[in-house]
Amino acid sequence: MDFFTADICDSHFESVAVLEEGYKNFGGTSKCHGTIVTVKLDKNNAELAQILRDEDGEGKVVVVDVEREYFAVVGENLMKLAAKNNYSGIIVNGYIRDTFQIKEIPVALYALGTCPRKYIPTTKGERALSLLFGGVRFNSGEYLYADTDGIVVTKKPLHIS
């Protein structure tokens, strides 16, 4: 499916939410789309690693909220898991690392920026919560489109021609 978020916004302006500026794609592909899977983390990425490692990601985008904590929650290892299990993309309300390595992995990865450190103590994450950041509410089961112009969320997949 070929799409552009600008065209989606023009054609479906009443039914899309647009994520605020500041999120940059660090991944190895310039676009992603799919059904949203939400996860809220407390700095540590153990819950996200479990999702990416153990679940089929075909047609899915994981939306991660760490409330902008300055710790990396996605790096090379998690991106490899995402690619192995066919995830289309990951959106992080926080930071990532290993940018040199991940730019070759065919998964989109949008985040606020980079941070070289990760949070070592294991903490518990929560799944399938309604997340609110960047002016958008993300709900598991809704749909996301992302490209070089931005990230948009819709209640259902759109029929794009």
N, C-alpha and C. Protein backbone atom coordinates (compact mmCIF):
# COMPACT_ATOMS: atom_id res chain seq x y z
N MET A 1 0.85 -1.18 0.00
CA MET A 1 0.00 0.00 0.00
C MET A 1 0.88 1.23 0.00
N ASP A 2 0.67 2.08 -0.97
CA ASP A 2 1.41 3.33 -1.03
C ASP A 2 0.51 4.44 -0.49
N PHE A 3 1.03 5.25 0.40
CA PHE A 3 0.24 6.33 0.98
C PHE A 3 1.17 7.48 1.33
N PHE A 4 0.58 8.63 1.51
CA PHE A 4 1.28 9.80 2.02
C PHE A 4 0.38 10.43 3.08
N THR A 5 0.95 10.74 4.22
CA THR A 5 0.13 11.28 5.30
C THR A 5 -0.50 12.62 4.92
N ALA A 6 0.17 13.39 4.08
CA ALA A 6 -0.42 14.66 3.63
C ALA A 6 -1.71 14.41 2.86
N ASP A 7 -1.70 13.41 1.98
CA ASP A 7 -2.92 13.07 1.22
C ASP A 7 -4.01 12.54 2.15
N ILE A 8 -3.62 11.75 3.15
CA ILE A 8 -4.60 11.25 4.12
C ILE A 8 -5.25 12.42 4.85
N CYS A 9 -4.45 13.37 5.28
CA CYS A 9 -5.00 14.54 5.98
C CYS A 9 -5.92 15.36 5.08
N ASP A 10 -5.57 15.48 3.81
CA ASP A 10 -6.42 16.22 2.88
C ASP A 10 -7.74 15.51 2.64
N SER A 11 -7.69 14.21 2.47
CA SER A 11 -8.89 13.44 2.12
C SER A 11 -9.77 13.10 3.32
N HIS A 12 -9.17 13.01 4.50
CA HIS A 12 -9.90 12.56 5.69
C HIS A 12 -9.68 13.52 6.86
N PHE A 13 -9.66 14.81 6.57
CA PHE A 13 -9.30 15.81 7.57
C PHE A 13 -10.14 15.76 8.83
N GLU A 14 -11.39 15.30 8.74
CA GLU A 14 -12.26 15.27 9.91
C GLU A 14 -12.06 14.04 10.77
N SER A 15 -11.37 13.03 10.24
CA SER A 15 -11.28 11.78 10.98
C SER A 15 -9.85 11.36 11.34
N VAL A 16 -8.89 12.27 11.22
CA VAL A 16 -7.51 11.92 11.58
C VAL A 16 -7.01 12.82 12.70
N ALA A 17 -6.14 12.27 13.52
CA ALA A 17 -5.42 13.03 14.52
C ALA A 17 -3.95 13.04 14.09
N VAL A 18 -3.30 14.18 14.22
CA VAL A 18 -1.92 14.34 13.77
C VAL A 18 -1.01 14.56 14.97
N LEU A 19 0.00 13.71 15.10
CA LEU A 19 0.96 13.83 16.19
C LEU A 19 1.76 15.12 16.04
N GLU A 20 1.95 15.82 17.15
CA GLU A 20 2.70 17.07 17.13
C GLU A 20 4.12 16.86 16.63
N GLU A 21 4.77 17.95 16.27
CA GLU A 21 6.14 17.91 15.76
C GLU A 21 7.12 17.38 16.80
N GLY A 22 8.31 17.04 16.32
CA GLY A 22 9.38 16.65 17.23
C GLY A 22 9.76 15.18 17.15
N TYR A 23 8.95 14.36 16.49
CA TYR A 23 9.24 12.93 16.37
C TYR A 23 9.94 12.68 15.05
N LYS A 24 11.10 12.05 15.13
CA LYS A 24 11.93 11.81 13.95
C LYS A 24 12.06 10.30 13.72
N ASN A 25 12.13 9.92 12.45
CA ASN A 25 12.30 8.50 12.11
C ASN A 25 13.78 8.15 12.07
N PHE A 26 14.17 7.19 12.89
CA PHE A 26 15.54 6.71 12.94
C PHE A 26 15.67 5.32 12.32
N GLY A 27 14.57 4.72 11.92
CA GLY A 27 14.58 3.35 11.42
C GLY A 27 15.03 3.23 9.98
N GLY A 28 15.00 2.00 9.49
CA GLY A 28 15.51 1.69 8.17
C GLY A 28 14.49 1.75 7.05
N THR A 29 13.27 2.16 7.34
CA THR A 29 12.27 2.36 6.31
C THR A 29 11.57 3.69 6.56
N SER A 30 11.14 4.33 5.48
CA SER A 30 10.62 5.70 5.62
C SER A 30 9.13 5.77 5.93
N LYS A 31 8.44 4.64 5.90
CA LYS A 31 7.01 4.63 6.15
C LYS A 31 6.63 3.42 6.99
N CYS A 32 5.52 3.57 7.69
CA CYS A 32 4.91 2.41 8.35
C CYS A 32 3.43 2.67 8.52
N HIS A 33 2.69 1.61 8.64
CA HIS A 33 1.26 1.71 8.94
C HIS A 33 0.81 0.40 9.55
N GLY A 34 -0.26 0.48 10.33
CA GLY A 34 -0.78 -0.75 10.91
C GLY A 34 -1.64 -0.49 12.11
N THR A 35 -2.16 -1.59 12.64
CA THR A 35 -2.98 -1.57 13.84
C THR A 35 -2.09 -1.24 15.04
N ILE A 36 -2.58 -0.36 15.88
CA ILE A 36 -1.81 0.11 17.04
C ILE A 36 -1.85 -0.91 18.17
N VAL A 37 -0.67 -1.14 18.75
CA VAL A 37 -0.51 -1.90 19.99
C VAL A 37 0.13 -0.93 20.97
N THR A 38 -0.52 -0.65 22.10
CA THR A 38 0.03 0.33 23.04
C THR A 38 0.72 -0.36 24.22
N VAL A 39 1.78 0.31 24.69
CA VAL A 39 2.47 -0.15 25.90
C VAL A 39 3.02 1.08 26.62
N LYS A 40 2.80 1.12 27.93
CA LYS A 40 3.33 2.20 28.78
C LYS A 40 4.45 1.59 29.61
N LEU A 41 5.61 2.25 29.56
CA LEU A 41 6.79 1.75 30.28
C LEU A 41 7.21 2.73 31.36
N ASP A 42 7.91 2.19 32.35
CA ASP A 42 8.54 3.01 33.39
C ASP A 42 10.06 2.91 33.19
N LYS A 43 10.56 3.53 32.16
CA LYS A 43 11.98 3.62 31.81
C LYS A 43 12.57 2.33 31.28
N ASN A 44 12.25 1.18 31.86
CA ASN A 44 12.82 -0.10 31.43
C ASN A 44 11.99 -0.69 30.30
N ASN A 45 12.66 -1.36 29.35
CA ASN A 45 11.97 -1.85 28.16
C ASN A 45 11.61 -3.33 28.18
N ALA A 46 11.62 -3.98 29.34
CA ALA A 46 11.36 -5.42 29.41
C ALA A 46 10.01 -5.81 28.80
N GLU A 47 8.98 -5.06 29.10
CA GLU A 47 7.64 -5.37 28.56
C GLU A 47 7.62 -5.22 27.04
N LEU A 48 8.26 -4.19 26.52
CA LEU A 48 8.34 -4.00 25.08
C LEU A 48 9.14 -5.12 24.42
N ALA A 49 10.23 -5.53 25.02
CA ALA A 49 11.04 -6.63 24.49
C ALA A 49 10.20 -7.90 24.39
N GLN A 50 9.39 -8.15 25.38
CA GLN A 50 8.53 -9.34 25.38
C GLN A 50 7.53 -9.29 24.23
N ILE A 51 6.93 -8.15 23.99
CA ILE A 51 5.98 -8.00 22.89
C ILE A 51 6.67 -8.25 21.56
N LEU A 52 7.80 -7.58 21.35
CA LEU A 52 8.50 -7.70 20.06
C LEU A 52 9.07 -9.09 19.83
N ARG A 53 9.46 -9.76 20.90
CA ARG A 53 10.05 -11.10 20.80
C ARG A 53 8.99 -12.20 20.62
N ASP A 54 7.87 -12.06 21.32
CA ASP A 54 6.94 -13.18 21.44
C ASP A 54 5.67 -13.07 20.61
N GLU A 55 5.40 -11.94 19.99
CA GLU A 55 4.13 -11.76 19.30
C GLU A 55 4.33 -11.43 17.82
N ASP A 56 3.44 -11.96 17.00
CA ASP A 56 3.47 -11.68 15.57
C ASP A 56 3.11 -10.22 15.34
N GLY A 57 3.98 -9.51 14.64
CA GLY A 57 3.77 -8.09 14.42
C GLY A 57 3.23 -7.74 13.05
N GLU A 58 2.85 -8.73 12.28
CA GLU A 58 2.35 -8.47 10.92
C GLU A 58 1.18 -7.48 10.98
N GLY A 59 1.33 -6.35 10.27
CA GLY A 59 0.27 -5.35 10.21
C GLY A 59 0.12 -4.52 11.47
N LYS A 60 1.18 -4.46 12.30
CA LYS A 60 1.08 -3.75 13.59
C LYS A 60 2.17 -2.70 13.75
N VAL A 61 1.83 -1.66 14.51
CA VAL A 61 2.76 -0.62 14.93
C VAL A 61 2.65 -0.53 16.45
N VAL A 62 3.78 -0.60 17.14
CA VAL A 62 3.78 -0.49 18.60
C VAL A 62 3.97 0.98 18.97
N VAL A 63 3.09 1.48 19.83
CA VAL A 63 3.19 2.85 20.33
C VAL A 63 3.57 2.75 21.80
N VAL A 64 4.72 3.37 22.13
CA VAL A 64 5.33 3.25 23.45
C VAL A 64 5.36 4.60 24.13
N ASP A 65 4.86 4.65 25.36
CA ASP A 65 4.93 5.89 26.13
C ASP A 65 5.82 5.67 27.34
N VAL A 66 6.90 6.44 27.43
CA VAL A 66 7.77 6.47 28.61
C VAL A 66 7.82 7.88 29.18
N GLU A 67 6.83 8.68 28.81
CA GLU A 67 6.66 10.04 29.32
C GLU A 67 7.94 10.87 29.19
N ARG A 68 8.61 10.70 28.06
CA ARG A 68 9.79 11.49 27.70
C ARG A 68 10.97 11.32 28.66
N GLU A 69 10.98 10.25 29.44
CA GLU A 69 12.12 9.98 30.33
C GLU A 69 13.38 9.87 29.48
N TYR A 70 14.48 10.43 29.98
CA TYR A 70 15.71 10.46 29.20
C TYR A 70 16.54 9.18 29.39
N PHE A 71 15.97 8.09 28.91
CA PHE A 71 16.61 6.78 28.84
C PHE A 71 16.21 6.18 27.51
N ALA A 72 17.11 5.44 26.88
CA ALA A 72 16.78 4.78 25.61
C ALA A 72 15.95 3.53 25.90
N VAL A 73 14.82 3.39 25.20
CA VAL A 73 14.00 2.20 25.38
C VAL A 73 14.00 1.29 24.15
N VAL A 74 14.54 1.76 23.05
CA VAL A 74 14.68 0.93 21.85
C VAL A 74 16.08 1.13 21.30
N GLY A 75 16.70 0.01 20.93
CA GLY A 75 18.02 0.03 20.31
C GLY A 75 18.10 -1.10 19.30
N GLU A 76 19.31 -1.45 18.94
CA GLU A 76 19.55 -2.45 17.90
C GLU A 76 18.87 -3.79 18.19
N ASN A 77 18.99 -4.29 19.41
CA ASN A 77 18.44 -5.61 19.72
C ASN A 77 16.91 -5.66 19.57
N LEU A 78 16.22 -4.65 20.08
CA LEU A 78 14.76 -4.64 19.95
C LEU A 78 14.33 -4.42 18.51
N MET A 79 15.08 -3.64 17.77
CA MET A 79 14.75 -3.44 16.35
C MET A 79 14.91 -4.75 15.58
N LYS A 80 15.91 -5.53 15.91
CA LYS A 80 16.07 -6.84 15.26
C LYS A 80 14.89 -7.76 15.57
N LEU A 81 14.42 -7.72 16.82
CA LEU A 81 13.23 -8.51 17.18
C LEU A 81 12.01 -8.03 16.41
N ALA A 82 11.85 -6.71 16.30
CA ALA A 82 10.71 -6.15 15.57
C ALA A 82 10.74 -6.59 14.11
N ALA A 83 11.90 -6.55 13.50
CA ALA A 83 12.02 -6.97 12.10
C ALA A 83 11.75 -8.46 11.95
N LYS A 84 12.28 -9.26 12.85
CA LYS A 84 12.09 -10.71 12.79
C LYS A 84 10.62 -11.09 12.87
N ASN A 85 9.85 -10.35 13.68
CA ASN A 85 8.43 -10.66 13.87
C ASN A 85 7.52 -9.77 13.05
N ASN A 86 8.08 -9.08 12.04
CA ASN A 86 7.32 -8.37 11.01
C ASN A 86 6.55 -7.14 11.47
N TYR A 87 7.01 -6.48 12.51
CA TYR A 87 6.38 -5.21 12.90
C TYR A 87 6.68 -4.16 11.85
N SER A 88 5.70 -3.33 11.57
CA SER A 88 5.86 -2.26 10.59
C SER A 88 6.63 -1.08 11.17
N GLY A 89 6.38 -0.77 12.46
CA GLY A 89 7.04 0.37 13.06
C GLY A 89 6.85 0.43 14.56
N ILE A 90 7.62 1.35 15.15
CA ILE A 90 7.54 1.63 16.58
C ILE A 90 7.55 3.15 16.73
N ILE A 91 6.64 3.67 17.55
CA ILE A 91 6.58 5.09 17.86
C ILE A 91 6.89 5.21 19.35
N VAL A 92 7.88 6.03 19.71
CA VAL A 92 8.30 6.14 21.11
C VAL A 92 8.16 7.58 21.59
N ASN A 93 7.40 7.76 22.64
CA ASN A 93 7.34 9.05 23.31
C ASN A 93 8.50 9.10 24.30
N GLY A 94 9.69 9.11 23.73
CA GLY A 94 10.92 9.05 24.51
C GLY A 94 12.10 8.94 23.57
N TYR A 95 13.10 8.18 23.99
CA TYR A 95 14.38 8.19 23.30
C TYR A 95 14.84 6.79 22.91
N ILE A 96 15.77 6.75 21.96
CA ILE A 96 16.29 5.49 21.44
C ILE A 96 17.82 5.60 21.34
N ARG A 97 18.46 4.47 21.00
CA ARG A 97 19.91 4.48 20.82
C ARG A 97 20.31 3.53 19.69
N ASP A 98 21.59 3.40 19.47
CA ASP A 98 22.13 2.52 18.42
C ASP A 98 21.71 2.99 17.03
N THR A 99 21.69 4.28 16.81
CA THR A 99 21.19 4.82 15.54
C THR A 99 22.00 4.37 14.34
N PHE A 100 23.29 4.18 14.51
CA PHE A 100 24.11 3.72 13.39
C PHE A 100 23.67 2.34 12.93
N GLN A 101 23.42 1.44 13.86
CA GLN A 101 23.03 0.07 13.53
C GLN A 101 21.59 -0.04 13.04
N ILE A 102 20.68 0.71 13.62
CA ILE A 102 19.26 0.52 13.29
C ILE A 102 18.83 1.12 11.97
N LYS A 103 19.64 1.99 11.42
CA LYS A 103 19.23 2.60 10.15
C LYS A 103 19.19 1.61 9.00
N GLU A 104 19.72 0.41 9.20
CA GLU A 104 19.68 -0.64 8.18
C GLU A 104 18.58 -1.67 8.44
N ILE A 105 17.90 -1.58 9.56
CA ILE A 105 16.86 -2.55 9.91
C ILE A 105 15.53 -2.06 9.33
N PRO A 106 14.84 -2.89 8.55
CA PRO A 106 13.65 -2.44 7.81
C PRO A 106 12.37 -2.29 8.65
N VAL A 107 12.48 -1.48 9.68
CA VAL A 107 11.34 -1.15 10.54
C VAL A 107 11.43 0.35 10.79
N ALA A 108 10.32 1.07 10.69
CA ALA A 108 10.31 2.49 11.03
C ALA A 108 10.40 2.65 12.54
N LEU A 109 11.14 3.65 13.00
CA LEU A 109 11.29 3.91 14.43
C LEU A 109 11.27 5.42 14.65
N TYR A 110 10.14 5.91 15.13
CA TYR A 110 9.97 7.34 15.41
C TYR A 110 10.16 7.58 16.90
N ALA A 111 10.96 8.59 17.23
CA ALA A 111 11.21 8.94 18.63
C ALA A 111 11.56 10.42 18.71
N LEU A 112 11.66 10.91 19.94
CA LEU A 112 12.01 12.32 20.16
C LEU A 112 13.48 12.59 19.92
N GLY A 113 14.31 11.60 20.12
CA GLY A 113 15.74 11.78 19.94
C GLY A 113 16.50 10.58 20.45
N THR A 114 17.77 10.80 20.74
CA THR A 114 18.64 9.71 21.16
C THR A 114 19.18 9.94 22.57
N CYS A 115 19.54 8.83 23.20
CA CYS A 115 20.18 8.82 24.51
C CYS A 115 21.01 7.55 24.58
N PRO A 116 22.27 7.61 24.95
CA PRO A 116 23.10 6.41 24.96
C PRO A 116 22.85 5.45 26.11
N ARG A 117 22.17 5.89 27.17
CA ARG A 117 21.99 5.01 28.32
C ARG A 117 20.61 4.37 28.33
N LYS A 118 20.56 3.18 28.92
CA LYS A 118 19.26 2.54 29.14
C LYS A 118 19.07 2.35 30.64
N TYR A 119 17.85 2.08 31.02
CA TYR A 119 17.51 1.89 32.43
C TYR A 119 17.63 0.41 32.74
N ILE A 120 18.53 0.03 33.61
CA ILE A 120 18.83 -1.37 33.86
C ILE A 120 17.83 -2.06 34.79
N PRO A 121 17.46 -1.50 35.93
CA PRO A 121 16.52 -2.23 36.80
C PRO A 121 15.22 -2.55 36.05
N THR A 122 14.75 -3.77 36.18
CA THR A 122 13.53 -4.18 35.50
C THR A 122 12.31 -3.59 36.21
N THR A 123 11.43 -2.99 35.41
CA THR A 123 10.18 -2.46 35.92
C THR A 123 9.06 -3.04 35.06
N LYS A 124 7.85 -3.01 35.55
CA LYS A 124 6.71 -3.60 34.86
C LYS A 124 6.04 -2.56 33.97
N GLY A 125 5.76 -2.94 32.74
CA GLY A 125 5.00 -2.09 31.83
C GLY A 125 3.54 -2.49 31.82
N GLU A 126 2.72 -1.67 31.18
CA GLU A 126 1.30 -1.96 31.06
C GLU A 126 0.89 -1.91 29.60
N ARG A 127 0.08 -2.87 29.18
CA ARG A 127 -0.34 -2.97 27.79
C ARG A 127 -1.78 -2.54 27.61
N ALA A 128 -2.07 -2.21 26.36
CA ALA A 128 -3.44 -1.92 25.92
C ALA A 128 -4.09 -0.77 26.68
N LEU A 129 -3.28 0.15 27.19
CA LEU A 129 -3.83 1.36 27.81
C LEU A 129 -4.07 2.40 26.73
N SER A 130 -4.96 3.31 27.00
CA SER A 130 -5.12 4.48 26.14
C SER A 130 -4.00 5.44 26.51
N LEU A 131 -3.18 5.80 25.52
CA LEU A 131 -2.04 6.69 25.75
C LEU A 131 -2.34 8.06 25.15
N LEU A 132 -1.89 9.11 25.83
CA LEU A 132 -2.09 10.47 25.33
C LEU A 132 -0.76 11.19 25.37
N PHE A 133 -0.25 11.55 24.19
CA PHE A 133 0.95 12.38 24.09
C PHE A 133 0.99 13.02 22.71
N GLY A 134 1.71 14.11 22.62
CA GLY A 134 1.85 14.82 21.35
C GLY A 134 0.53 15.26 20.76
N GLY A 135 -0.47 15.51 21.62
CA GLY A 135 -1.77 15.96 21.15
C GLY A 135 -2.65 14.89 20.54
N VAL A 136 -2.25 13.62 20.68
CA VAL A 136 -3.01 12.51 20.08
C VAL A 136 -3.28 11.45 21.14
N ARG A 137 -4.47 10.87 21.09
CA ARG A 137 -4.80 9.72 21.92
C ARG A 137 -4.59 8.47 21.08
N PHE A 138 -3.80 7.54 21.60
CA PHE A 138 -3.51 6.27 20.93
C PHE A 138 -4.23 5.16 21.68
N ASN A 139 -5.04 4.39 20.95
CA ASN A 139 -5.75 3.26 21.52
C ASN A 139 -5.39 2.00 20.76
N SER A 140 -5.15 0.92 21.51
CA SER A 140 -4.90 -0.36 20.86
C SER A 140 -6.08 -0.69 19.96
N GLY A 141 -5.76 -1.18 18.77
CA GLY A 141 -6.80 -1.54 17.82
C GLY A 141 -7.11 -0.46 16.80
N GLU A 142 -6.73 0.80 17.09
CA GLU A 142 -6.91 1.85 16.09
C GLU A 142 -5.77 1.75 15.09
N TYR A 143 -5.69 2.68 14.16
CA TYR A 143 -4.77 2.54 13.04
C TYR A 143 -3.85 3.74 12.94
N LEU A 144 -2.62 3.51 12.51
CA LEU A 144 -1.61 4.55 12.41
C LEU A 144 -0.94 4.51 11.04
N TYR A 145 -0.68 5.69 10.51
CA TYR A 145 0.09 5.87 9.27
C TYR A 145 1.21 6.84 9.58
N ALA A 146 2.43 6.55 9.15
CA ALA A 146 3.56 7.44 9.38
C ALA A 146 4.45 7.47 8.15
N ASP A 147 4.94 8.66 7.82
CA ASP A 147 5.91 8.82 6.73
C ASP A 147 6.80 10.01 7.05
N THR A 148 7.50 10.52 6.07
CA THR A 148 8.44 11.61 6.31
C THR A 148 7.76 12.92 6.69
N ASP A 149 6.47 13.06 6.42
CA ASP A 149 5.74 14.27 6.78
C ASP A 149 5.16 14.23 8.19
N GLY A 150 4.91 13.05 8.72
CA GLY A 150 4.33 12.99 10.05
C GLY A 150 3.64 11.68 10.35
N ILE A 151 2.90 11.69 11.46
CA ILE A 151 2.23 10.51 11.97
C ILE A 151 0.76 10.86 12.19
N VAL A 152 -0.13 10.05 11.62
CA VAL A 152 -1.56 10.27 11.79
C VAL A 152 -2.23 9.01 12.32
N VAL A 153 -3.29 9.22 13.09
CA VAL A 153 -4.03 8.12 13.70
C VAL A 153 -5.48 8.22 13.27
N THR A 154 -6.06 7.06 12.94
CA THR A 154 -7.48 6.97 12.58
C THR A 154 -8.13 5.85 13.39
N LYS A 155 -9.43 5.90 13.50
CA LYS A 155 -10.14 4.86 14.23
C LYS A 155 -10.04 3.50 13.54
N LYS A 156 -10.09 3.51 12.21
CA LYS A 156 -10.05 2.29 11.40
C LYS A 156 -9.10 2.50 10.22
N PRO A 157 -8.64 1.43 9.59
CA PRO A 157 -7.83 1.60 8.38
C PRO A 157 -8.62 2.33 7.31
N LEU A 158 -7.94 3.15 6.54
CA LEU A 158 -8.58 3.91 5.48
C LEU A 158 -8.40 3.19 4.15
N HIS A 159 -9.38 3.32 3.28
CA HIS A 159 -9.26 2.79 1.91
C HIS A 159 -8.58 3.87 1.09
N ILE A 160 -7.30 3.64 0.80
CA ILE A 160 -6.51 4.63 0.09
C ILE A 160 -6.25 4.13 -1.32
N SER A 161 -6.53 5.01 -2.29
CA SER A 161 -6.30 4.61 -3.68
C SER A 161 -5.10 5.32 -4.26
